[in-house]
Protein backbone atom coordinates (compact mmCIF):
# COMPACT_ATOMS: atom_id res chain seq x y z
CA ILE A 1 53.75 22.27 -9.60
CA LEU A 2 56.77 24.49 -10.17
CA GLU A 3 54.68 27.64 -9.83
CA PHE A 4 53.07 26.30 -6.66
CA LEU A 5 56.46 25.53 -5.16
CA GLN A 6 57.59 29.06 -5.95
CA THR A 7 54.58 30.74 -4.39
CA LYS A 8 53.17 28.48 -1.69
CA SER A 9 55.90 26.08 -0.58
CA ARG A 10 55.95 27.54 2.94
CA GLU A 11 52.24 26.91 3.35
CA VAL A 12 52.39 23.11 3.10
CA PRO A 13 53.79 20.56 5.55
CA PRO A 14 57.36 19.40 4.81
CA PHE A 15 56.25 15.93 3.70
CA VAL A 16 53.88 17.47 1.13
CA PHE A 17 56.65 19.77 -0.08
CA LYS A 18 59.01 16.80 -0.55
CA LYS A 19 56.37 14.83 -2.45
CA MET A 20 55.67 17.78 -4.74
CA VAL A 21 59.38 18.16 -5.46
CA LYS A 22 59.57 14.42 -6.23
CA ILE A 23 56.61 14.66 -8.61
CA LEU A 24 58.20 17.64 -10.35
CA VAL A 25 61.46 15.72 -10.80
CA ASP A 26 59.59 12.64 -12.05
CA ILE A 27 57.96 14.82 -14.69
CA ALA A 28 61.34 16.30 -15.57
CA LYS A 29 62.83 12.82 -16.02
CA GLN A 30 60.32 12.19 -18.79
CA GLU A 31 59.64 15.60 -20.30
CA TRP A 32 62.63 17.85 -19.78
CA PRO A 33 64.07 19.66 -21.77
CA ASN A 34 61.82 19.18 -24.82
CA GLN A 35 58.46 19.75 -23.12
CA PHE A 36 59.76 21.62 -20.08
CA PRO A 37 62.57 23.94 -21.29
CA GLU A 38 62.00 26.55 -18.60
CA LEU A 39 62.81 24.16 -15.75
CA LEU A 40 66.53 24.79 -15.19
CA PRO A 41 66.40 28.57 -15.81
CA THR A 42 63.52 28.83 -13.33
CA ILE A 43 65.33 26.76 -10.72
CA GLN A 44 68.49 28.80 -11.23
CA GLN A 45 66.48 31.99 -10.65
CA MET A 46 65.06 30.45 -7.50
CA THR A 47 68.56 29.80 -6.16
CA GLN A 48 69.33 33.49 -6.62
CA ASN A 49 66.34 34.54 -4.50
CA SER A 50 66.92 34.47 -0.74
CA GLU A 51 63.30 33.45 -0.11
CA LEU A 52 63.36 30.61 -2.66
CA ILE A 53 66.93 29.32 -2.43
CA ASN A 54 65.94 26.37 -0.24
CA VAL A 55 63.18 25.41 -2.66
CA GLY A 56 65.55 25.62 -5.63
CA LEU A 57 68.28 23.64 -3.91
CA SER A 58 65.77 20.99 -2.79
CA ILE A 59 64.68 20.53 -6.39
CA LEU A 60 68.29 20.36 -7.62
CA MET A 61 69.28 17.83 -4.96
CA THR A 62 66.27 15.66 -5.75
CA MET A 63 67.12 15.87 -9.45
CA CYS A 64 70.63 14.65 -8.69
CA GLU A 65 69.36 11.75 -6.60
CA GLU A 66 66.67 10.73 -9.05
CA PHE A 67 68.66 11.19 -12.25
CA ILE A 68 71.46 9.00 -10.89
CA SER A 69 69.13 6.28 -9.64
CA SER A 70 66.92 6.11 -12.75
CA ARG A 71 66.53 2.47 -13.56
CA ASP A 72 63.60 1.01 -15.40
CA ASP A 73 61.51 4.17 -15.52
CA VAL A 74 63.60 5.68 -18.35
CA SER A 75 65.47 4.26 -21.33
CA ALA A 76 69.24 3.81 -21.27
CA LEU A 77 69.66 6.67 -23.76
CA ARG A 78 67.50 8.97 -21.65
CA ARG A 79 69.37 7.92 -18.49
CA ASP A 80 72.68 8.89 -20.12
CA GLU A 81 71.21 12.22 -21.19
CA LEU A 82 70.00 12.93 -17.65
CA LYS A 83 73.36 12.04 -16.15
CA LYS A 84 75.06 14.60 -18.41
CA VAL A 85 72.78 17.25 -16.96
CA LEU A 86 74.09 16.42 -13.51
CA ASP A 87 77.35 18.20 -14.30
CA PHE A 88 75.48 21.46 -14.73
CA ILE A 89 73.30 20.86 -11.68
CA CYS A 90 76.32 20.05 -9.53
CA LEU A 91 77.98 23.29 -10.60
CA ILE A 92 74.94 25.29 -9.55
CA ILE A 93 74.76 23.54 -6.18
CA TYR A 94 78.49 23.95 -5.56
CA PHE A 95 78.38 27.63 -6.46
CA LYS A 96 75.35 28.29 -4.26
CA LEU A 97 76.75 26.42 -1.28
CA SER A 98 80.17 28.05 -1.56
CA THR A 99 78.76 31.57 -1.83
CA ASN A 100 76.24 31.18 0.99
CA THR A 101 78.70 30.11 3.69
């Protein structure tokens, strides 16, 4: 999914793009970082590419929304772990938004 978003995100309708981002984040909620260690470095690289910055920021924003609202789909320990990651994600978003204005 991540590779598809990097290469073909402009070729799909916006609603399909949003659903693919949501699926990617749902996978990340369960598997990242142990089974998906390349996720954040890849997203960070995307935010540094003018053609992929919107894709990267969409993923980061969805991660923020989903990690905060995780309820019954993840354990309390996992939810706390995901919320700690939000600090890093928020820094990336802040930096990108402040340097692109």
